[in-house]
Amino acid sequence: MIPVCRLEDLPEGESVRIATTPPVAVFRTEGGELYAIDDTCAHQDASLSEGWLEGCLVECPLHAAAFDLRTGEPTCLPARRPVRTHRVTVEDGVVHVHLEAQEGTAA
């Protein structure tokens, strides 16, 4: 479990990038939901935390591939592969990310 920031420091409609390996982007939607995905676009090396958030979708700033924050699945080309999702919790007002293990590794 990795502390990210205080909930009050992540406004609705914004994101924050955490420098894990690989980097992870944490999003707070306009509705207040929290999601975390691997920060690097599956199509090409671009930071999804710098993309555009609309509902539960984030659009990559490089080639406009979009990903569903709930599943990590791409919703349009040019991306064809999903990005990993991670569980997010809030404890005592602090946002935490629970990193999911990569295939073939232990968490």
PDB file of N, CA and C in Angstrom:
ATOM      1  N   MET A   1       0.861  -1.170   0.000  1.00  0.00           N
ATOM      2  CA  MET A   1       0.000   0.000   0.000  1.00  0.00           C
ATOM      3  C   MET A   1       0.905   1.231   0.000  1.00  0.00           C
ATOM      4  N   ILE A   2       0.663   2.112  -0.965  1.00  0.00           N
ATOM      5  CA  ILE A   2       1.507   3.291  -1.130  1.00  0.00           C
ATOM      6  C   ILE A   2       0.668   4.554  -0.889  1.00  0.00           C
ATOM      7  N   PRO A   3       1.065   5.404   0.072  1.00  0.00           N
ATOM      8  CA  PRO A   3       0.350   6.664   0.254  1.00  0.00           C
ATOM      9  C   PRO A   3       0.638   7.592  -0.926  1.00  0.00           C
ATOM     10  N   VAL A   4      -0.421   8.233  -1.419  1.00  0.00           N
ATOM     11  CA  VAL A   4      -0.298   9.087  -2.603  1.00  0.00           C
ATOM     12  C   VAL A   4      -0.367  10.561  -2.217  1.00  0.00           C
ATOM     13  N   CYS A   5      -1.456  10.954  -1.587  1.00  0.00           N
ATOM     14  CA  CYS A   5      -1.670  12.343  -1.194  1.00  0.00           C
ATOM     15  C   CYS A   5      -2.897  12.391  -0.303  1.00  0.00           C
ATOM     16  N   ARG A   6      -3.155  13.536   0.277  1.00  0.00           N
ATOM     17  CA  ARG A   6      -4.409  13.716   1.020  1.00  0.00           C
ATOM     18  C   ARG A   6      -5.537  13.842  -0.010  1.00  0.00           C
ATOM     19  N   LEU A   7      -6.680  13.307   0.314  1.00  0.00           N
ATOM     20  CA  LEU A   7      -7.824  13.364  -0.596  1.00  0.00           C
ATOM     21  C   LEU A   7      -8.147  14.808  -0.964  1.00  0.00           C
ATOM     22  N   GLU A   8      -8.075  15.697  -0.017  1.00  0.00           N
ATOM     23  CA  GLU A   8      -8.386  17.112  -0.268  1.00  0.00           C
ATOM     24  C   GLU A   8      -7.393  17.770  -1.232  1.00  0.00           C
ATOM     25  N   ASP A   9      -6.223  17.153  -1.420  1.00  0.00           N
ATOM     26  CA  ASP A   9      -5.213  17.702  -2.325  1.00  0.00           C
ATOM     27  C   ASP A   9      -5.335  17.183  -3.759  1.00  0.00           C
ATOM     28  N   LEU A  10      -6.322  16.309  -4.000  1.00  0.00           N
ATOM     29  CA  LEU A  10      -6.571  15.779  -5.346  1.00  0.00           C
ATOM     30  C   LEU A  10      -7.976  16.206  -5.760  1.00  0.00           C
ATOM     31  N   PRO A  11      -8.095  17.355  -6.425  1.00  0.00           N
ATOM     32  CA  PRO A  11      -9.420  17.866  -6.801  1.00  0.00           C
ATOM     33  C   PRO A  11     -10.125  16.935  -7.794  1.00  0.00           C
ATOM     34  N   GLU A  12     -11.437  16.989  -7.784  1.00  0.00           N
ATOM     35  CA  GLU A  12     -12.217  16.236  -8.762  1.00  0.00           C
ATOM     36  C   GLU A  12     -11.824  16.681 -10.163  1.00  0.00           C
ATOM     37  N   GLY A  13     -11.711  15.700 -11.076  1.00  0.00           N
ATOM     38  CA  GLY A  13     -11.326  15.987 -12.453  1.00  0.00           C
ATOM     39  C   GLY A  13      -9.826  16.068 -12.665  1.00  0.00           C
ATOM     40  N   GLU A  14      -9.037  15.753 -11.641  1.00  0.00           N
ATOM     41  CA  GLU A  14      -7.575  15.862 -11.721  1.00  0.00           C
ATOM     42  C   GLU A  14      -6.916  14.501 -11.505  1.00  0.00           C
ATOM     43  N   SER A  15      -5.606  14.477 -11.721  1.00  0.00           N
ATOM     44  CA  SER A  15      -4.834  13.253 -11.521  1.00  0.00           C
ATOM     45  C   SER A  15      -3.486  13.590 -10.914  1.00  0.00           C
ATOM     46  N   VAL A  16      -2.836  12.561 -10.398  1.00  0.00           N
ATOM     47  CA  VAL A  16      -1.492  12.696  -9.861  1.00  0.00           C
ATOM     48  C   VAL A  16      -0.703  11.461 -10.289  1.00  0.00           C
ATOM     49  N   ARG A  17       0.557  11.663 -10.588  1.00  0.00           N
ATOM     50  CA  ARG A  17       1.446  10.569 -10.998  1.00  0.00           C
ATOM     51  C   ARG A  17       2.336  10.217  -9.826  1.00  0.00           C
ATOM     52  N   ILE A  18       2.457   8.904  -9.546  1.00  0.00           N
ATOM     53  CA  ILE A  18       3.377   8.486  -8.497  1.00  0.00           C
ATOM     54  C   ILE A  18       4.535   7.734  -9.140  1.00  0.00           C
ATOM     55  N   ALA A  19       5.710   7.992  -8.637  1.00  0.00           N
ATOM     56  CA  ALA A  19       6.939   7.478  -9.246  1.00  0.00           C
ATOM     57  C   ALA A  19       7.269   6.087  -8.717  1.00  0.00           C
ATOM     58  N   THR A  20       6.431   5.136  -9.079  1.00  0.00           N
ATOM     59  CA  THR A  20       6.701   3.740  -8.776  1.00  0.00           C
ATOM     60  C   THR A  20       7.308   3.121 -10.024  1.00  0.00           C
ATOM     61  N   THR A  21       7.621   1.842  -9.979  1.00  0.00           N
ATOM     62  CA  THR A  21       8.128   1.156 -11.167  1.00  0.00           C
ATOM     63  C   THR A  21       7.165   0.043 -11.511  1.00  0.00           C
ATOM     64  N   PRO A  22       6.388   0.166 -12.575  1.00  0.00           N
ATOM     65  CA  PRO A  22       6.242   1.331 -13.443  1.00  0.00           C
ATOM     66  C   PRO A  22       5.437   2.434 -12.756  1.00  0.00           C
ATOM     67  N   PRO A  23       5.491   3.658 -13.313  1.00  0.00           N
ATOM     68  CA  PRO A  23       4.720   4.765 -12.738  1.00  0.00           C
ATOM     69  C   PRO A  23       3.218   4.469 -12.774  1.00  0.00           C
ATOM     70  N   VAL A  24       2.497   5.029 -11.811  1.00  0.00           N
ATOM     71  CA  VAL A  24       1.051   4.848 -11.703  1.00  0.00           C
ATOM     72  C   VAL A  24       0.394   6.223 -11.683  1.00  0.00           C
ATOM     73  N   ALA A  25      -0.768   6.323 -12.339  1.00  0.00           N
ATOM     74  CA  ALA A  25      -1.562   7.549 -12.325  1.00  0.00           C
ATOM     75  C   ALA A  25      -2.805   7.308 -11.484  1.00  0.00           C
ATOM     76  N   VAL A  26      -3.095   8.245 -10.586  1.00  0.00           N
ATOM     77  CA  VAL A  26      -4.293   8.174  -9.752  1.00  0.00           C
ATOM     78  C   VAL A  26      -5.216   9.299 -10.196  1.00  0.00           C
ATOM     79  N   PHE A  27      -6.456   8.947 -10.491  1.00  0.00           N
ATOM     80  CA  PHE A  27      -7.442   9.901 -11.000  1.00  0.00           C
ATOM     81  C   PHE A  27      -8.590  10.047 -10.012  1.00  0.00           C
ATOM     82  N   ARG A  28      -9.109  11.273  -9.901  1.00  0.00           N
ATOM     83  CA  ARG A  28     -10.343  11.524  -9.156  1.00  0.00           C
ATOM     84  C   ARG A  28     -11.328  12.122 -10.151  1.00  0.00           C
ATOM     85  N   THR A  29     -12.372  11.382 -10.442  1.00  0.00           N
ATOM     86  CA  THR A  29     -13.323  11.821 -11.462  1.00  0.00           C
ATOM     87  C   THR A  29     -14.163  12.997 -10.961  1.00  0.00           C
ATOM     88  N   GLU A  30     -14.912  13.596 -11.873  1.00  0.00           N
ATOM     89  CA  GLU A  30     -15.812  14.703 -11.508  1.00  0.00           C
ATOM     90  C   GLU A  30     -16.851  14.239 -10.492  1.00  0.00           C
ATOM     91  N   GLY A  31     -17.150  12.936 -10.487  1.00  0.00           N
ATOM     92  CA  GLY A  31     -18.091  12.380  -9.520  1.00  0.00           C
ATOM     93  C   GLY A  31     -17.445  11.996  -8.200  1.00  0.00           C
ATOM     94  N   GLY A  32     -16.121  12.170  -8.088  1.00  0.00           N
ATOM     95  CA  GLY A  32     -15.418  11.895  -6.854  1.00  0.00           C
ATOM     96  C   GLY A  32     -14.838  10.500  -6.729  1.00  0.00           C
ATOM     97  N   GLU A  33     -15.062   9.629  -7.741  1.00  0.00           N
ATOM     98  CA  GLU A  33     -14.500   8.280  -7.671  1.00  0.00           C
ATOM     99  C   GLU A  33     -12.998   8.327  -7.875  1.00  0.00           C
ATOM    100  N   LEU A  34     -12.296   7.383  -7.253  1.00  0.00           N
ATOM    101  CA  LEU A  34     -10.842   7.295  -7.367  1.00  0.00           C
ATOM    102  C   LEU A  34     -10.460   6.033  -8.125  1.00  0.00           C
ATOM    103  N   TYR A  35      -9.539   6.179  -9.068  1.00  0.00           N
ATOM    104  CA  TYR A  35      -9.044   5.061  -9.862  1.00  0.00           C
ATOM    105  C   TYR A  35      -7.536   5.199 -10.024  1.00  0.00           C
ATOM    106  N   ALA A  36      -6.863   4.053 -10.178  1.00  0.00           N
ATOM    107  CA  ALA A  36      -5.422   4.068 -10.440  1.00  0.00           C
ATOM    108  C   ALA A  36      -5.118   3.084 -11.558  1.00  0.00           C
ATOM    109  N   ILE A  37      -4.289   3.525 -12.498  1.00  0.00           N
ATOM    110  CA  ILE A  37      -3.852   2.682 -13.614  1.00  0.00           C
ATOM    111  C   ILE A  37      -2.366   2.918 -13.834  1.00  0.00           C
ATOM    112  N   ASP A  38      -1.726   1.970 -14.532  1.00  0.00           N
ATOM    113  CA  ASP A  38      -0.346   2.226 -14.941  1.00  0.00           C
ATOM    114  C   ASP A  38      -0.341   3.501 -15.762  1.00  0.00           C
ATOM    115  N   ASP A  39       0.634   4.359 -15.541  1.00  0.00           N
ATOM    116  CA  ASP A  39       0.639   5.690 -16.138  1.00  0.00           C
ATOM    117  C   ASP A  39       1.049   5.715 -17.601  1.00  0.00           C
ATOM    118  N   THR A  40       1.665   4.664 -18.103  1.00  0.00           N
ATOM    119  CA  THR A  40       2.180   4.691 -19.466  1.00  0.00           C
ATOM    120  C   THR A  40       1.173   4.095 -20.438  1.00  0.00           C
ATOM    121  N   CYS A  41       0.844   4.842 -21.482  1.00  0.00           N
ATOM    122  CA  CYS A  41      -0.082   4.385 -22.522  1.00  0.00           C
ATOM    123  C   CYS A  41       0.425   3.075 -23.124  1.00  0.00           C
ATOM    124  N   ALA A  42      -0.486   2.144 -23.352  1.00  0.00           N
ATOM    125  CA  ALA A  42      -0.119   0.846 -23.928  1.00  0.00           C
ATOM    126  C   ALA A  42       0.232   0.959 -25.408  1.00  0.00           C
ATOM    127  N   HIS A  43      -0.106   2.063 -26.052  1.00  0.00           N
ATOM    128  CA  HIS A  43       0.186   2.246 -27.474  1.00  0.00           C
ATOM    129  C   HIS A  43       1.592   2.784 -27.688  1.00  0.00           C
ATOM    130  N   GLN A  44       1.940   3.819 -26.930  1.00  0.00           N
ATOM    131  CA  GLN A  44       3.246   4.440 -27.074  1.00  0.00           C
ATOM    132  C   GLN A  44       3.596   5.117 -25.764  1.00  0.00           C
ATOM    133  N   ASP A  45       4.844   5.387 -25.534  1.00  0.00           N
ATOM    134  CA  ASP A  45       5.325   5.904 -24.260  1.00  0.00           C
ATOM    135  C   ASP A  45       4.831   7.327 -24.022  1.00  0.00           C
ATOM    136  N   ALA A  46       3.672   7.449 -23.365  1.00  0.00           N
ATOM    137  CA  ALA A  46       3.115   8.753 -23.012  1.00  0.00           C
ATOM    138  C   ALA A  46       2.477   8.633 -21.631  1.00  0.00           C
ATOM    139  N   SER A  47       2.514   9.702 -20.865  1.00  0.00           N
ATOM    140  CA  SER A  47       1.969   9.711 -19.517  1.00  0.00           C
ATOM    141  C   SER A  47       0.460   9.947 -19.553  1.00  0.00           C
ATOM    142  N   LEU A  48      -0.299   8.961 -19.081  1.00  0.00           N
ATOM    143  CA  LEU A  48      -1.754   9.098 -19.060  1.00  0.00           C
ATOM    144  C   LEU A  48      -2.206  10.125 -18.030  1.00  0.00           C
ATOM    145  N   SER A  49      -1.394  10.374 -17.013  1.00  0.00           N
ATOM    146  CA  SER A  49      -1.766  11.390 -16.020  1.00  0.00           C
ATOM    147  C   SER A  49      -1.796  12.788 -16.640  1.00  0.00           C
ATOM    148  N   GLU A  50      -1.177  12.943 -17.805  1.00  0.00           N
ATOM    149  CA  GLU A  50      -1.204  14.219 -18.519  1.00  0.00           C
ATOM    150  C   GLU A  50      -2.323  14.269 -19.556  1.00  0.00           C
ATOM    151  N   GLY A  51      -3.135  13.223 -19.592  1.00  0.00           N
ATOM    152  CA  GLY A  51      -4.222  13.144 -20.566  1.00  0.00           C
ATOM    153  C   GLY A  51      -5.467  13.871 -20.094  1.00  0.00           C
ATOM    154  N   TRP A  52      -6.548  13.703 -20.855  1.00  0.00           N
ATOM    155  CA  TRP A  52      -7.814  14.366 -20.577  1.00  0.00           C
ATOM    156  C   TRP A  52      -8.780  13.380 -19.960  1.00  0.00           C
ATOM    157  N   LEU A  53      -9.362  13.779 -18.846  1.00  0.00           N
ATOM    158  CA  LEU A  53     -10.284  12.938 -18.101  1.00  0.00           C
ATOM    159  C   LEU A  53     -11.709  13.335 -18.424  1.00  0.00           C
ATOM    160  N   GLU A  54     -12.514  12.341 -18.819  1.00  0.00           N
ATOM    161  CA  GLU A  54     -13.931  12.573 -19.067  1.00  0.00           C
ATOM    162  C   GLU A  54     -14.700  11.385 -18.536  1.00  0.00           C
ATOM    163  N   GLY A  55     -15.439  11.607 -17.466  1.00  0.00           N
ATOM    164  CA  GLY A  55     -16.137  10.501 -16.815  1.00  0.00           C
ATOM    165  C   GLY A  55     -15.118   9.503 -16.299  1.00  0.00           C
ATOM    166  N   CYS A  56     -15.273   8.237 -16.708  1.00  0.00           N
ATOM    167  CA  CYS A  56     -14.334   7.180 -16.305  1.00  0.00           C
ATOM    168  C   CYS A  56     -13.351   6.845 -17.410  1.00  0.00           C
ATOM    169  N   LEU A  57     -13.151   7.773 -18.346  1.00  0.00           N
ATOM    170  CA  LEU A  57     -12.201   7.559 -19.437  1.00  0.00           C
ATOM    171  C   LEU A  57     -11.081   8.584 -19.359  1.00  0.00           C
ATOM    172  N   VAL A  58      -9.872   8.121 -19.693  1.00  0.00           N
ATOM    173  CA  VAL A  58      -8.750   9.046 -19.835  1.00  0.00           C
ATOM    174  C   VAL A  58      -8.238   8.914 -21.261  1.00  0.00           C
ATOM    175  N   GLU A  59      -8.022  10.057 -21.892  1.00  0.00           N
ATOM    176  CA  GLU A  59      -7.514  10.090 -23.270  1.00  0.00           C
ATOM    177  C   GLU A  59      -6.033  10.405 -23.240  1.00  0.00           C
ATOM    178  N   CYS A  60      -5.252   9.574 -23.914  1.00  0.00           N
ATOM    179  CA  CYS A  60      -3.812   9.766 -23.987  1.00  0.00           C
ATOM    180  C   CYS A  60      -3.503  11.085 -24.702  1.00  0.00           C
ATOM    181  N   PRO A  61      -2.560  11.873 -24.179  1.00  0.00           N
ATOM    182  CA  PRO A  61      -2.247  13.151 -24.797  1.00  0.00           C
ATOM    183  C   PRO A  61      -1.458  13.025 -26.102  1.00  0.00           C
ATOM    184  N   LEU A  62      -0.953  11.848 -26.413  1.00  0.00           N
ATOM    185  CA  LEU A  62      -0.110  11.698 -27.594  1.00  0.00           C
ATOM    186  C   LEU A  62      -0.904  11.380 -28.863  1.00  0.00           C
ATOM    187  N   HIS A  63      -1.705  10.329 -28.835  1.00  0.00           N
ATOM    188  CA  HIS A  63      -2.437   9.919 -30.037  1.00  0.00           C
ATOM    189  C   HIS A  63      -3.926   9.718 -29.802  1.00  0.00           C
ATOM    190  N   ALA A  64      -4.457  10.199 -28.692  1.00  0.00           N
ATOM    191  CA  ALA A  64      -5.886  10.179 -28.388  1.00  0.00           C
ATOM    192  C   ALA A  64      -6.463   8.789 -28.154  1.00  0.00           C
ATOM    193  N   ALA A  65      -5.629   7.801 -27.829  1.00  0.00           N
ATOM    194  CA  ALA A  65      -6.162   6.516 -27.387  1.00  0.00           C
ATOM    195  C   ALA A  65      -6.849   6.760 -26.049  1.00  0.00           C
ATOM    196  N   ALA A  66      -7.963   6.085 -25.804  1.00  0.00           N
ATOM    197  CA  ALA A  66      -8.689   6.274 -24.553  1.00  0.00           C
ATOM    198  C   ALA A  66      -8.758   4.958 -23.793  1.00  0.00           C
ATOM    199  N   PHE A  67      -8.711   5.059 -22.461  1.00  0.00           N
ATOM    200  CA  PHE A  67      -8.750   3.893 -21.588  1.00  0.00           C
ATOM    201  C   PHE A  67      -9.835   4.065 -20.540  1.00  0.00           C
ATOM    202  N   ASP A  68     -10.536   2.960 -20.247  1.00  0.00           N
ATOM    203  CA  ASP A  68     -11.540   2.945 -19.188  1.00  0.00           C
ATOM    204  C   ASP A  68     -10.796   2.787 -17.865  1.00  0.00           C
ATOM    205  N   LEU A  69     -10.953   3.731 -16.970  1.00  0.00           N
ATOM    206  CA  LEU A  69     -10.241   3.692 -15.696  1.00  0.00           C
ATOM    207  C   LEU A  69     -10.682   2.525 -14.823  1.00  0.00           C
ATOM    208  N   ARG A  70     -11.905   2.038 -15.032  1.00  0.00           N
ATOM    209  CA  ARG A  70     -12.418   0.940 -14.211  1.00  0.00           C
ATOM    210  C   ARG A  70     -11.797  -0.397 -14.579  1.00  0.00           C
ATOM    211  N   THR A  71     -11.461  -0.573 -15.859  1.00  0.00           N
ATOM    212  CA  THR A  71     -10.982  -1.878 -16.335  1.00  0.00           C
ATOM    213  C   THR A  71      -9.580  -1.830 -16.929  1.00  0.00           C
ATOM    214  N   GLY A  72      -9.131  -0.640 -17.324  1.00  0.00           N
ATOM    215  CA  GLY A  72      -7.857  -0.502 -18.012  1.00  0.00           C
ATOM    216  C   GLY A  72      -7.938  -0.798 -19.504  1.00  0.00           C
ATOM    217  N   GLU A  73      -9.111  -1.207 -19.979  1.00  0.00           N
ATOM    218  CA  GLU A  73      -9.284  -1.572 -21.385  1.00  0.00           C
ATOM    219  C   GLU A  73      -9.280  -0.336 -22.284  1.00  0.00           C
ATOM    220  N   PRO A  74      -8.639  -0.455 -23.450  1.00  0.00           N
ATOM    221  CA  PRO A  74      -8.708   0.653 -24.413  1.00  0.00           C
ATOM    222  C   PRO A  74     -10.113   0.704 -25.013  1.00  0.00           C
ATOM    223  N   THR A  75     -10.581   1.899 -25.291  1.00  0.00           N
ATOM    224  CA  THR A  75     -11.917   2.055 -25.864  1.00  0.00           C
ATOM    225  C   THR A  75     -11.873   2.474 -27.326  1.00  0.00           C
ATOM    226  N   CYS A  76     -10.673   2.765 -27.833  1.00  0.00           N
ATOM    227  CA  CYS A  76     -10.540   3.138 -29.240  1.00  0.00           C
ATOM    228  C   CYS A  76      -9.088   2.961 -29.670  1.00  0.00           C
ATOM    229  N   LEU A  77      -8.895   2.942 -30.961  1.00  0.00           N
ATOM    230  CA  LEU A  77      -7.550   2.859 -31.519  1.00  0.00           C
ATOM    231  C   LEU A  77      -6.856   4.210 -31.332  1.00  0.00           C
ATOM    232  N   PRO A  78      -5.549   4.261 -31.304  1.00  0.00           N
ATOM    233  CA  PRO A  78      -4.630   3.231 -31.742  1.00  0.00           C
ATOM    234  C   PRO A  78      -4.250   2.213 -30.669  1.00  0.00           C
ATOM    235  N   ALA A  79      -4.670   2.390 -29.411  1.00  0.00           N
ATOM    236  CA  ALA A  79      -4.318   1.420 -28.365  1.00  0.00           C
ATOM    237  C   ALA A  79      -5.087   0.123 -28.571  1.00  0.00           C
ATOM    238  N   ARG A  80      -4.408  -0.985 -28.382  1.00  0.00           N
ATOM    239  CA  ARG A  80      -5.026  -2.302 -28.518  1.00  0.00           C
ATOM    240  C   ARG A  80      -4.907  -3.129 -27.247  1.00  0.00           C
ATOM    241  N   ARG A  81      -3.925  -2.799 -26.393  1.00  0.00           N
ATOM    242  CA  ARG A  81      -3.703  -3.550 -25.158  1.00  0.00           C
ATOM    243  C   ARG A  81      -4.172  -2.718 -23.959  1.00  0.00           C
ATOM    244  N   PRO A  82      -4.670  -3.392 -22.925  1.00  0.00           N
ATOM    245  CA  PRO A  82      -5.090  -2.663 -21.721  1.00  0.00           C
ATOM    246  C   PRO A  82      -3.892  -2.242 -20.881  1.00  0.00           C
ATOM    247  N   VAL A  83      -4.139  -1.334 -19.961  1.00  0.00           N
ATOM    248  CA  VAL A  83      -3.168  -0.987 -18.925  1.00  0.00           C
ATOM    249  C   VAL A  83      -3.667  -1.617 -17.624  1.00  0.00           C
ATOM    250  N   ARG A  84      -2.735  -1.900 -16.715  1.00  0.00           N
ATOM    251  CA  ARG A  84      -3.129  -2.502 -15.441  1.00  0.00           C
ATOM    252  C   ARG A  84      -3.866  -1.496 -14.573  1.00  0.00           C
ATOM    253  N   THR A  85      -4.839  -1.982 -13.839  1.00  0.00           N
ATOM    254  CA  THR A  85      -5.546  -1.170 -12.852  1.00  0.00           C
ATOM    255  C   THR A  85      -5.055  -1.551 -11.461  1.00  0.00           C
ATOM    256  N   HIS A  86      -5.252  -0.640 -10.518  1.00  0.00           N
ATOM    257  CA  HIS A  86      -4.824  -0.868  -9.143  1.00  0.00           C
ATOM    258  C   HIS A  86      -5.926  -0.394  -8.208  1.00  0.00           C
ATOM    259  N   ARG A  87      -6.068  -1.083  -7.088  1.00  0.00           N
ATOM    260  CA  ARG A  87      -7.085  -0.725  -6.100  1.00  0.00           C
ATOM    261  C   ARG A  87      -6.654   0.543  -5.369  1.00  0.00           C
ATOM    262  N   VAL A  88      -7.641   1.408  -5.084  1.00  0.00           N
ATOM    263  CA  VAL A  88      -7.400   2.663  -4.370  1.00  0.00           C
ATOM    264  C   VAL A  88      -8.276   2.670  -3.123  1.00  0.00           C
ATOM    265  N   THR A  89      -7.697   3.054  -1.996  1.00  0.00           N
ATOM    266  CA  THR A  89      -8.461   3.219  -0.770  1.00  0.00           C
ATOM    267  C   THR A  89      -8.125   4.574  -0.154  1.00  0.00           C
ATOM    268  N   VAL A  90      -9.007   5.019   0.740  1.00  0.00           N
ATOM    269  CA  VAL A  90      -8.760   6.243   1.498  1.00  0.00           C
ATOM    270  C   VAL A  90      -8.829   5.873   2.974  1.00  0.00           C
ATOM    271  N   GLU A  91      -7.752   6.149   3.686  1.00  0.00           N
ATOM    272  CA  GLU A  91      -7.691   5.885   5.121  1.00  0.00           C
ATOM    273  C   GLU A  91      -7.244   7.144   5.833  1.00  0.00           C
ATOM    274  N   ASP A  92      -8.039   7.586   6.790  1.00  0.00           N
ATOM    275  CA  ASP A  92      -7.736   8.804   7.550  1.00  0.00           C
ATOM    276  C   ASP A  92      -7.464   9.993   6.636  1.00  0.00           C
ATOM    277  N   GLY A  93      -8.218  10.086   5.530  1.00  0.00           N
ATOM    278  CA  GLY A  93      -8.099  11.212   4.616  1.00  0.00           C
ATOM    279  C   GLY A  93      -6.945  11.117   3.642  1.00  0.00           C
ATOM    280  N   VAL A  94      -6.197   9.992   3.652  1.00  0.00           N
ATOM    281  CA  VAL A  94      -5.049   9.818   2.756  1.00  0.00           C
ATOM    282  C   VAL A  94      -5.392   8.776   1.696  1.00  0.00           C
ATOM    283  N   VAL A  95      -5.125   9.120   0.437  1.00  0.00           N
ATOM    284  CA  VAL A  95      -5.342   8.209  -0.692  1.00  0.00           C
ATOM    285  C   VAL A  95      -4.171   7.229  -0.748  1.00  0.00           C
ATOM    286  N   HIS A  96      -4.490   5.932  -0.866  1.00  0.00           N
ATOM    287  CA  HIS A  96      -3.474   4.883  -0.981  1.00  0.00           C
ATOM    288  C   HIS A  96      -3.729   4.061  -2.230  1.00  0.00           C
ATOM    289  N   VAL A  97      -2.664   3.622  -2.868  1.00  0.00           N
ATOM    290  CA  VAL A  97      -2.752   2.711  -4.019  1.00  0.00           C
ATOM    291  C   VAL A  97      -2.185   1.367  -3.595  1.00  0.00           C
ATOM    292  N   HIS A  98      -2.898   0.317  -3.954  1.00  0.00           N
ATOM    293  CA  HIS A  98      -2.456  -1.059  -3.709  1.00  0.00           C
ATOM    294  C   HIS A  98      -1.993  -1.599  -5.050  1.00  0.00           C
ATOM    295  N   LEU A  99      -0.695  -1.700  -5.231  1.00  0.00           N
ATOM    296  CA  LEU A  99      -0.161  -2.124  -6.533  1.00  0.00           C
ATOM    297  C   LEU A  99      -0.468  -3.592  -6.788  1.00  0.00           C
ATOM    298  N   GLU A 100      -0.935  -3.868  -7.996  1.00  0.00           N
ATOM    299  CA  GLU A 100      -1.196  -5.235  -8.428  1.00  0.00           C
ATOM    300  C   GLU A 100       0.095  -5.795  -8.986  1.00  0.00           C
ATOM    301  N   ALA A 101       0.338  -7.062  -8.752  1.00  0.00           N
ATOM    302  CA  ALA A 101       1.567  -7.702  -9.240  1.00  0.00           C
ATOM    303  C   ALA A 101       1.519  -7.834 -10.740  1.00  0.00           C
ATOM    304  N   GLN A 102       2.687  -7.692 -11.382  1.00  0.00           N
ATOM    305  CA  GLN A 102       2.786  -7.966 -12.811  1.00  0.00           C
ATOM    306  C   GLN A 102       2.775  -9.474 -12.988  1.00  0.00           C
ATOM    307  N   GLU A 103       2.371  -9.924 -14.164  1.00  0.00           N
ATOM    308  CA  GLU A 103       2.357 -11.349 -14.430  1.00  0.00           C
ATOM    309  C   GLU A 103       3.732 -11.940 -14.151  1.00  0.00           C
ATOM    310  N   GLY A 104       3.747 -13.057 -13.443  1.00  0.00           N
ATOM    311  CA  GLY A 104       4.992 -13.738 -13.169  1.00  0.00           C
ATOM    312  C   GLY A 104       5.765 -13.207 -11.980  1.00  0.00           C
ATOM    313  N   THR A 105       5.167 -12.237 -11.228  1.00  0.00           N
ATOM    314  CA  THR A 105       5.842 -11.710 -10.051  1.00  0.00           C
ATOM    315  C   THR A 105       4.891 -11.769  -8.865  1.00  0.00           C
ATOM    316  N   ALA A 106       5.414 -11.637  -7.704  1.00  0.00           N
ATOM    317  CA  ALA A 106       4.585 -11.627  -6.492  1.00  0.00           C
ATOM    318  C   ALA A 106       4.395 -10.182  -6.034  1.00  0.00           C
ATOM    319  N   ALA A 107       3.253  -9.917  -5.442  1.00  0.00           N
ATOM    320  CA  ALA A 107       2.971  -8.557  -4.949  1.00  0.00           C
ATOM    321  C   ALA A 107       3.636  -8.334  -3.611  1.00  0.00           C
TER     322      ALA A 107
END
